[in-house]
PDB file of N, CA and C in Angstrom:
ATOM      1  N   MET A   1     105.060  85.848 126.884  1.00  0.00           N
ATOM      2  CA  MET A   1     103.727  86.068 126.350  1.00  0.00           C
ATOM      3  C   MET A   1     103.740  85.765 124.849  1.00  0.00           C
ATOM      4  N   PRO A   2     103.487  84.527 124.453  1.00  0.00           N
ATOM      5  CA  PRO A   2     103.480  84.174 123.034  1.00  0.00           C
ATOM      6  C   PRO A   2     102.307  84.816 122.288  1.00  0.00           C
ATOM      7  N   VAL A   3     102.596  85.302 121.103  1.00  0.00           N
ATOM      8  CA  VAL A   3     101.562  85.810 120.195  1.00  0.00           C
ATOM      9  C   VAL A   3     101.694  85.026 118.897  1.00  0.00           C
ATOM     10  N   ILE A   4     100.643  84.313 118.537  1.00  0.00           N
ATOM     11  CA  ILE A   4     100.643  83.478 117.338  1.00  0.00           C
ATOM     12  C   ILE A   4      99.638  84.065 116.363  1.00  0.00           C
ATOM     13  N   THR A   5     100.065  84.257 115.117  1.00  0.00           N
ATOM     14  CA  THR A   5      99.178  84.758 114.072  1.00  0.00           C
ATOM     15  C   THR A   5      98.941  83.656 113.055  1.00  0.00           C
ATOM     16  N   VAL A   6      97.671  83.424 112.746  1.00  0.00           N
ATOM     17  CA  VAL A   6      97.283  82.412 111.768  1.00  0.00           C
ATOM     18  C   VAL A   6      96.568  83.111 110.622  1.00  0.00           C
ATOM     19  N   ASN A   7      97.029  82.875 109.412  1.00  0.00           N
ATOM     20  CA  ASN A   7      96.333  83.345 108.217  1.00  0.00           C
ATOM     21  C   ASN A   7      95.693  82.131 107.572  1.00  0.00           C
ATOM     22  N   TRP A   8      94.374  82.182 107.369  1.00  0.00           N
ATOM     23  CA  TRP A   8      93.692  81.075 106.703  1.00  0.00           C
ATOM     24  C   TRP A   8      92.577  81.620 105.848  1.00  0.00           C
ATOM     25  N   TRP A   9      92.023  80.736 105.021  1.00  0.00           N
ATOM     26  CA  TRP A   9      91.000  81.180 104.084  1.00  0.00           C
ATOM     27  C   TRP A   9      89.757  81.683 104.797  1.00  0.00           C
ATOM     28  N   LYS A  10      89.227  82.774 104.289  1.00  0.00           N
ATOM     29  CA  LYS A  10      87.978  83.328 104.789  1.00  0.00           C
ATOM     30  C   LYS A  10      86.859  82.322 104.554  1.00  0.00           C
ATOM     31  N   GLY A  11      85.927  82.253 105.487  1.00  0.00           N
ATOM     32  CA  GLY A  11      84.769  81.389 105.329  1.00  0.00           C
ATOM     33  C   GLY A  11      84.651  80.322 106.395  1.00  0.00           C
ATOM     34  N   ASN A  12      85.687  80.155 107.205  1.00  0.00           N
ATOM     35  CA  ASN A  12      85.586  79.216 108.315  1.00  0.00           C
ATOM     36  C   ASN A  12      84.646  79.790 109.369  1.00  0.00           C
ATOM     37  N   ASP A  13      83.832  78.928 109.963  1.00  0.00           N
ATOM     38  CA  ASP A  13      82.843  79.414 110.924  1.00  0.00           C
ATOM     39  C   ASP A  13      83.459  79.653 112.308  1.00  0.00           C
ATOM     40  N   ARG A  14      82.659  80.231 113.182  1.00  0.00           N
ATOM     41  CA  ARG A  14      83.114  80.581 114.533  1.00  0.00           C
ATOM     42  C   ARG A  14      83.601  79.345 115.295  1.00  0.00           C
ATOM     43  N   ALA A  15      82.903  78.220 115.144  1.00  0.00           N
ATOM     44  CA  ALA A  15      83.308  76.987 115.827  1.00  0.00           C
ATOM     45  C   ALA A  15      84.702  76.551 115.378  1.00  0.00           C
ATOM     46  N   ALA A  16      84.976  76.651 114.086  1.00  0.00           N
ATOM     47  CA  ALA A  16      86.295  76.278 113.567  1.00  0.00           C
ATOM     48  C   ALA A  16      87.370  77.206 114.125  1.00  0.00           C
ATOM     49  N   ARG A  17      87.075  78.512 114.173  1.00  0.00           N
ATOM     50  CA  ARG A  17      88.044  79.456 114.747  1.00  0.00           C
ATOM     51  C   ARG A  17      88.289  79.152 116.221  1.00  0.00           C
ATOM     52  N   GLY A  18      87.218  78.843 116.949  1.00  0.00           N
ATOM     53  CA  GLY A  18      87.358  78.505 118.366  1.00  0.00           C
ATOM     54  C   GLY A  18      88.197  77.255 118.573  1.00  0.00           C
ATOM     55  N   ASP A  19      87.956  76.228 117.743  1.00  0.00           N
ATOM     56  CA  ASP A  19      88.750  74.995 117.819  1.00  0.00           C
ATOM     57  C   ASP A  19      90.221  75.275 117.535  1.00  0.00           C
ATOM     58  N   LEU A  20      90.466  76.108 116.539  1.00  0.00           N
ATOM     59  CA  LEU A  20      91.838  76.450 116.176  1.00  0.00           C
ATOM     60  C   LEU A  20      92.546  77.164 117.324  1.00  0.00           C
ATOM     61  N   VAL A  21      91.893  78.180 117.886  1.00  0.00           N
ATOM     62  CA  VAL A  21      92.483  78.952 118.987  1.00  0.00           C
ATOM     63  C   VAL A  21      92.738  78.049 120.195  1.00  0.00           C
ATOM     64  N   ALA A  22      91.778  77.205 120.538  1.00  0.00           N
ATOM     65  CA  ALA A  22      91.945  76.305 121.687  1.00  0.00           C
ATOM     66  C   ALA A  22      93.092  75.321 121.455  1.00  0.00           C
ATOM     67  N   GLY A  23      93.154  74.752 120.259  1.00  0.00           N
ATOM     68  CA  GLY A  23      94.203  73.780 119.952  1.00  0.00           C
ATOM     69  C   GLY A  23      95.589  74.387 119.970  1.00  0.00           C
ATOM     70  N   ILE A  24      95.717  75.558 119.375  1.00  0.00           N
ATOM     71  CA  ILE A  24      97.016  76.237 119.373  1.00  0.00           C
ATOM     72  C   ILE A  24      97.418  76.596 120.798  1.00  0.00           C
ATOM     73  N   THR A  25      96.468  77.098 121.567  1.00  0.00           N
ATOM     74  CA  THR A  25      96.750  77.453 122.958  1.00  0.00           C
ATOM     75  C   THR A  25      97.199  76.231 123.749  1.00  0.00           C
ATOM     76  N   ASP A  26      96.531  75.095 123.552  1.00  0.00           N
ATOM     77  CA  ASP A  26      96.918  73.855 124.239  1.00  0.00           C
ATOM     78  C   ASP A  26      98.368  73.482 123.938  1.00  0.00           C
ATOM     79  N   VAL A  27      98.732  73.520 122.659  1.00  0.00           N
ATOM     80  CA  VAL A  27     100.092  73.127 122.267  1.00  0.00           C
ATOM     81  C   VAL A  27     101.127  74.099 122.823  1.00  0.00           C
ATOM     82  N   VAL A  28     100.859  75.388 122.705  1.00  0.00           N
ATOM     83  CA  VAL A  28     101.831  76.383 123.178  1.00  0.00           C
ATOM     84  C   VAL A  28     102.032  76.269 124.686  1.00  0.00           C
ATOM     85  N   THR A  29     100.954  76.080 125.440  1.00  0.00           N
ATOM     86  CA  THR A  29     101.114  75.957 126.893  1.00  0.00           C
ATOM     87  C   THR A  29     101.852  74.671 127.262  1.00  0.00           C
ATOM     88  N   ARG A  30     101.579  73.581 126.541  1.00  0.00           N
ATOM     89  CA  ARG A  30     102.262  72.314 126.821  1.00  0.00           C
ATOM     90  C   ARG A  30     103.756  72.413 126.518  1.00  0.00           C
ATOM     91  N   VAL A  31     104.088  73.015 125.382  1.00  0.00           N
ATOM     92  CA  VAL A  31     105.489  73.077 124.952  1.00  0.00           C
ATOM     93  C   VAL A  31     106.284  74.122 125.736  1.00  0.00           C
ATOM     94  N   SER A  32     105.674  75.273 125.987  1.00  0.00           N
ATOM     95  CA  SER A  32     106.414  76.380 126.611  1.00  0.00           C
ATOM     96  C   SER A  32     106.295  76.415 128.130  1.00  0.00           C
ATOM     97  N   GLY A  33     105.232  75.812 128.655  1.00  0.00           N
ATOM     98  CA  GLY A  33     105.012  75.868 130.093  1.00  0.00           C
ATOM     99  C   GLY A  33     104.396  77.168 130.575  1.00  0.00           C
ATOM    100  N   CYS A  34     104.065  78.061 129.663  1.00  0.00           N
ATOM    101  CA  CYS A  34     103.464  79.333 130.058  1.00  0.00           C
ATOM    102  C   CYS A  34     101.974  79.135 130.375  1.00  0.00           C
ATOM    103  N   PRO A  35     101.384  80.031 131.163  1.00  0.00           N
ATOM    104  CA  PRO A  35      99.962  79.906 131.471  1.00  0.00           C
ATOM    105  C   PRO A  35      99.090  80.214 130.251  1.00  0.00           C
ATOM    106  N   ARG A  36      97.924  79.560 130.171  1.00  0.00           N
ATOM    107  CA  ARG A  36      96.990  79.769 129.051  1.00  0.00           C
ATOM    108  C   ARG A  36      96.661  81.249 128.861  1.00  0.00           C
ATOM    109  N   GLU A  37      96.516  81.950 129.969  1.00  0.00           N
ATOM    110  CA  GLU A  37      96.108  83.360 129.911  1.00  0.00           C
ATOM    111  C   GLU A  37      97.133  84.240 129.207  1.00  0.00           C
ATOM    112  N   SER A  38      98.357  83.754 129.083  1.00  0.00           N
ATOM    113  CA  SER A  38      99.395  84.576 128.450  1.00  0.00           C
ATOM    114  C   SER A  38      99.505  84.335 126.947  1.00  0.00           C
ATOM    115  N   VAL A  39      98.758  83.358 126.422  1.00  0.00           N
ATOM    116  CA  VAL A  39      98.834  83.022 124.996  1.00  0.00           C
ATOM    117  C   VAL A  39      97.799  83.837 124.222  1.00  0.00           C
ATOM    118  N   THR A  40      98.264  84.547 123.205  1.00  0.00           N
ATOM    119  CA  THR A  40      97.380  85.301 122.317  1.00  0.00           C
ATOM    120  C   THR A  40      97.435  84.672 120.938  1.00  0.00           C
ATOM    121  N   VAL A  41      96.252  84.412 120.368  1.00  0.00           N
ATOM    122  CA  VAL A  41      96.166  83.870 119.012  1.00  0.00           C
ATOM    123  C   VAL A  41      95.355  84.853 118.177  1.00  0.00           C
ATOM    124  N   ILE A  42      95.941  85.303 117.085  1.00  0.00           N
ATOM    125  CA  ILE A  42      95.271  86.218 116.156  1.00  0.00           C
ATOM    126  C   ILE A  42      94.947  85.428 114.900  1.00  0.00           C
ATOM    127  N   VAL A  43      93.667  85.408 114.527  1.00  0.00           N
ATOM    128  CA  VAL A  43      93.236  84.669 113.339  1.00  0.00           C
ATOM    129  C   VAL A  43      92.831  85.684 112.279  1.00  0.00           C
ATOM    130  N   ARG A  44      93.493  85.609 111.138  1.00  0.00           N
ATOM    131  CA  ARG A  44      93.195  86.515 110.021  1.00  0.00           C
ATOM    132  C   ARG A  44      92.564  85.720 108.887  1.00  0.00           C
ATOM    133  N   ASP A  45      91.391  86.147 108.476  1.00  0.00           N
ATOM    134  CA  ASP A  45      90.707  85.528 107.341  1.00  0.00           C
ATOM    135  C   ASP A  45      91.179  86.200 106.059  1.00  0.00           C
ATOM    136  N   VAL A  46      91.624  85.394 105.112  1.00  0.00           N
ATOM    137  CA  VAL A  46      92.139  85.902 103.844  1.00  0.00           C
ATOM    138  C   VAL A  46      91.214  85.438 102.722  1.00  0.00           C
ATOM    139  N   GLU A  47      90.793  86.370 101.886  1.00  0.00           N
ATOM    140  CA  GLU A  47      89.983  86.023 100.715  1.00  0.00           C
ATOM    141  C   GLU A  47      90.762  85.060  99.832  1.00  0.00           C
ATOM    142  N   LEU A  48      90.086  84.073  99.269  1.00  0.00           N
ATOM    143  CA  LEU A  48      90.760  83.100  98.418  1.00  0.00           C
ATOM    144  C   LEU A  48      91.472  83.773  97.249  1.00  0.00           C
ATOM    145  N   GLY A  49      90.909  84.857  96.742  1.00  0.00           N
ATOM    146  CA  GLY A  49      91.520  85.579  95.638  1.00  0.00           C
ATOM    147  C   GLY A  49      92.741  86.391  96.032  1.00  0.00           C
ATOM    148  N   HIS A  50      93.029  86.445  97.338  1.00  0.00           N
ATOM    149  CA  HIS A  50      94.214  87.146  97.841  1.00  0.00           C
ATOM    150  C   HIS A  50      95.256  86.160  98.342  1.00  0.00           C
ATOM    151  N   TRP A  51      95.091  84.895  98.034  1.00  0.00           N
ATOM    152  CA  TRP A  51      95.968  83.828  98.532  1.00  0.00           C
ATOM    153  C   TRP A  51      96.496  83.071  97.329  1.00  0.00           C
ATOM    154  N   GLY A  52      97.789  83.000  97.181  1.00  0.00           N
ATOM    155  CA  GLY A  52      98.373  82.283  96.054  1.00  0.00           C
ATOM    156  C   GLY A  52      99.237  81.131  96.509  1.00  0.00           C
ATOM    157  N   LYS A  53      99.189  80.045  95.754  1.00  0.00           N
ATOM    158  CA  LYS A  53     100.035  78.892  96.041  1.00  0.00           C
ATOM    159  C   LYS A  53     100.344  78.210  94.720  1.00  0.00           C
ATOM    160  N   GLY A  54     101.591  77.877  94.530  1.00  0.00           N
ATOM    161  CA  GLY A  54     101.978  77.184  93.308  1.00  0.00           C
ATOM    162  C   GLY A  54     101.748  78.009  92.058  1.00  0.00           C
ATOM    163  N   GLY A  55     101.815  79.325  92.202  1.00  0.00           N
ATOM    164  CA  GLY A  55     101.659  80.198  91.046  1.00  0.00           C
ATOM    165  C   GLY A  55     100.221  80.485  90.652  1.00  0.00           C
ATOM    166  N   ARG A  56      99.269  80.015  91.454  1.00  0.00           N
ATOM    167  CA  ARG A  56      97.850  80.236  91.144  1.00  0.00           C
ATOM    168  C   ARG A  56      97.132  80.794  92.363  1.00  0.00           C
ATOM    169  N   LEU A  57      96.081  81.566  92.108  1.00  0.00           N
ATOM    170  CA  LEU A  57      95.244  82.051  93.195  1.00  0.00           C
ATOM    171  C   LEU A  57      94.394  80.903  93.724  1.00  0.00           C
ATOM    172  N   ALA A  58      94.134  80.920  95.015  1.00  0.00           N
ATOM    173  CA  ALA A  58      93.391  79.830  95.647  1.00  0.00           C
ATOM    174  C   ALA A  58      91.988  79.683  95.079  1.00  0.00           C
ATOM    175  N   ASP A  59      91.367  80.779  94.658  1.00  0.00           N
ATOM    176  CA  ASP A  59      90.008  80.656  94.127  1.00  0.00           C
ATOM    177  C   ASP A  59      89.988  80.062  92.723  1.00  0.00           C
ATOM    178  N   ASP A  60      91.148  79.831  92.128  1.00  0.00           N
ATOM    179  CA  ASP A  60      91.248  79.142  90.836  1.00  0.00           C
ATOM    180  C   ASP A  60      91.555  77.658  91.008  1.00  0.00           C
ATOM    181  N   ARG A  61      91.707  77.200  92.236  1.00  0.00           N
ATOM    182  CA  ARG A  61      92.216  75.855  92.491  1.00  0.00           C
ATOM    183  C   ARG A  61      91.132  74.795  92.657  1.00  0.00           C
ATOM    184  N   GLY A  62      89.874  75.136  92.667  1.00  0.00           N
ATOM    185  CA  GLY A  62      88.843  74.115  92.783  1.00  0.00           C
ATOM    186  C   GLY A  62      88.048  74.221  94.068  1.00  0.00           C
ATOM    187  N   PRO A  63      87.281  73.182  94.379  1.00  0.00           N
ATOM    188  CA  PRO A  63      86.297  73.256  95.453  1.00  0.00           C
ATOM    189  C   PRO A  63      86.846  73.167  96.875  1.00  0.00           C
ATOM    190  N   ALA A  64      88.073  72.718  97.082  1.00  0.00           N
ATOM    191  CA  ALA A  64      88.590  72.615  98.455  1.00  0.00           C
ATOM    192  C   ALA A  64      88.647  73.999  99.067  1.00  0.00           C
ATOM    193  N   GLY A  65      88.147  74.133 100.261  1.00  0.00           N
ATOM    194  CA  GLY A  65      88.130  75.441 100.887  1.00  0.00           C
ATOM    195  C   GLY A  65      87.852  75.344 102.365  1.00  0.00           C
ATOM    196  N   PRO A  66      87.381  76.428 102.947  1.00  0.00           N
ATOM    197  CA  PRO A  66      87.202  76.489 104.387  1.00  0.00           C
ATOM    198  C   PRO A  66      86.087  75.583 104.889  1.00  0.00           C
ATOM    199  N   ARG A  67      86.164  75.277 106.170  1.00  0.00           N
ATOM    200  CA  ARG A  67      85.127  74.505 106.851  1.00  0.00           C
ATOM    201  C   ARG A  67      84.036  75.468 107.299  1.00  0.00           C
ATOM    202  N   SER A  68      82.802  75.106 107.079  1.00  0.00           N
ATOM    203  CA  SER A  68      81.697  75.930 107.561  1.00  0.00           C
ATOM    204  C   SER A  68      80.626  75.029 108.132  1.00  0.00           C
ATOM    205  N   SER A  69      79.678  75.635 108.848  1.00  0.00           N
ATOM    206  CA  SER A  69      78.618  74.856 109.478  1.00  0.00           C
ATOM    207  C   SER A  69      77.454  74.607 108.534  1.00  0.00           C
ATOM    208  N   GLN A  70      77.556  75.026 107.301  1.00  0.00           N
ATOM    209  CA  GLN A  70      76.453  74.867 106.356  1.00  0.00           C
ATOM    210  C   GLN A  70      76.417  73.482 105.786  1.00  0.00           C
TER     211      GLN A  70
END
């Protein structure tokens, strides 16, 4: 029973989360041979100000950010 946790920037819409969960589930079932029903994907939205990369907070890095339907 694989459990996959994804941390990504807050602000992605429901469609993006659904695509992510479906895609991860597809890969895990293909690689492991386990049934889709046994794959759990946990998606955690992280505020940009709580995410650091390269010594800087993500909200200081410019306009690149989450996908939304807007």
